[in-house]
Amino acid sequence: MADDNEKQTQERAYLLWQKEGCPDGRDKEFWERGRLLHEADAAPSMVTPLQARSAEEAAVDEAVAETFPASDPPAFAATVGVGSSSEQSVSRPQE
């Protein structure tokens, strides 16, 4: 098993080294990167809360997804703002 892990780490490190143009003097860096990538691939996958939801919750999420974005108009609409007609009609005292 250890030999298999070492062989896969070596293959990963070699591919990374080639991909970066075969630079000299960075063998330890590529070995470590290859080892980390191999360990990450071998690790069991994590289950997120979204993946762990029940079938009922997933069905509700799927049904609700079709209603977004909501078609209702915004609850608040500004009536005075930059460039509004109320700003343009302000009279100024003449000199």
Protein backbone atom coordinates (compact mmCIF):
# COMPACT_ATOMS: atom_id res chain seq x y z
CA MET A 1 0.00 0.00 0.00
CA ALA A 2 2.82 2.40 0.86
CA ASP A 3 4.55 1.62 -2.42
CA ASP A 4 1.32 2.32 -4.30
CA ASN A 5 0.89 5.68 -2.54
CA GLU A 6 4.49 6.61 -3.25
CA LYS A 7 4.13 5.65 -6.92
CA GLN A 8 0.97 7.75 -7.29
CA THR A 9 2.62 10.67 -5.49
CA GLN A 10 5.61 10.36 -7.84
CA GLU A 11 3.33 10.37 -10.90
CA ARG A 12 1.48 13.45 -9.65
CA ALA A 13 4.71 15.27 -8.85
CA TYR A 14 6.14 14.44 -12.27
CA LEU A 15 3.03 15.73 -14.08
CA LEU A 16 3.11 18.95 -12.06
CA TRP A 17 6.83 19.37 -12.77
CA GLN A 18 6.26 18.90 -16.51
CA LYS A 19 3.28 21.24 -16.53
CA GLU A 20 5.43 24.01 -15.06
CA GLY A 21 8.21 23.62 -17.59
CA CYS A 22 10.56 21.18 -15.83
CA PRO A 23 12.25 23.74 -13.52
CA ASP A 24 15.47 22.74 -11.74
CA GLY A 25 15.87 22.63 -7.95
CA ARG A 26 12.20 22.44 -6.97
CA ASP A 27 11.87 18.68 -6.57
CA LYS A 28 10.79 18.82 -2.91
CA GLU A 29 8.08 21.36 -3.75
CA PHE A 30 6.64 19.19 -6.52
CA TRP A 31 6.87 16.05 -4.39
CA GLU A 32 4.94 17.75 -1.58
CA ARG A 33 2.30 19.08 -3.97
CA GLY A 34 1.92 15.65 -5.54
CA ARG A 35 1.56 14.06 -2.11
CA LEU A 36 -1.08 16.57 -1.03
CA LEU A 37 -3.07 16.09 -4.22
CA HIS A 38 -2.92 12.31 -3.85
CA GLU A 39 -4.07 12.53 -0.21
CA ALA A 40 -6.93 14.82 -1.18
CA ASP A 41 -8.10 12.36 -3.83
CA ALA A 42 -7.86 9.44 -1.42
CA ALA A 43 -9.75 11.20 1.41
CA PRO A 44 -13.42 10.38 1.86
CA SER A 45 -15.70 13.01 0.42
CA MET A 46 -17.47 15.37 2.78
CA VAL A 47 -21.23 15.56 2.97
CA THR A 48 -22.48 19.12 3.16
CA PRO A 49 -25.75 20.05 4.87
CA LEU A 50 -27.28 20.72 1.46
CA GLN A 51 -26.41 17.20 0.34
CA ALA A 52 -27.66 15.68 3.62
CA ARG A 53 -31.20 17.06 3.34
CA SER A 54 -34.13 14.68 3.16
CA ALA A 55 -35.98 13.82 -0.04
CA GLU A 56 -38.93 15.88 1.19
CA GLU A 57 -36.72 18.95 1.71
CA ALA A 58 -35.15 18.49 -1.72
CA ALA A 59 -38.60 18.29 -3.34
CA VAL A 60 -39.69 21.51 -1.62
CA ASP A 61 -36.50 23.27 -2.71
CA GLU A 62 -37.02 22.13 -6.29
CA ALA A 63 -40.66 23.28 -6.32
CA VAL A 64 -39.80 26.67 -4.85
CA ALA A 65 -36.86 27.21 -7.22
CA GLU A 66 -39.29 27.78 -10.10
CA THR A 67 -40.85 30.77 -8.29
CA PHE A 68 -37.64 32.78 -8.14
CA PRO A 69 -36.98 35.52 -8.93
CA ALA A 70 -40.27 36.76 -7.60
CA SER A 71 -42.39 38.59 -10.16
CA ASP A 72 -43.90 40.97 -7.61
CA PRO A 73 -42.92 44.64 -7.96
CA PRO A 74 -40.60 46.08 -5.32
CA ALA A 75 -42.35 47.12 -2.09
CA PHE A 76 -40.58 50.49 -2.09
CA ALA A 77 -40.11 52.86 -4.98
CA ALA A 78 -38.29 56.16 -4.51
CA THR A 79 -40.33 59.14 -5.64
CA VAL A 80 -37.59 61.75 -5.23
CA GLY A 81 -34.05 61.19 -6.35
CA VAL A 82 -31.25 62.37 -8.58
CA GLY A 83 -32.60 63.81 -11.78
CA SER A 84 -36.22 63.85 -10.64
CA SER A 85 -38.55 66.60 -11.85
CA SER A 86 -38.92 68.04 -8.32
CA GLU A 87 -35.23 68.97 -8.27
CA GLN A 88 -35.42 70.61 -11.65
CA SER A 89 -38.40 72.78 -10.76
CA VAL A 90 -36.82 74.44 -7.71
CA SER A 91 -36.79 78.18 -8.25
CA ARG A 92 -33.72 80.16 -7.33
CA PRO A 93 -33.73 83.74 -6.22
CA GLN A 94 -32.56 86.16 -8.87
CA GLU A 95 -29.65 88.42 -8.15
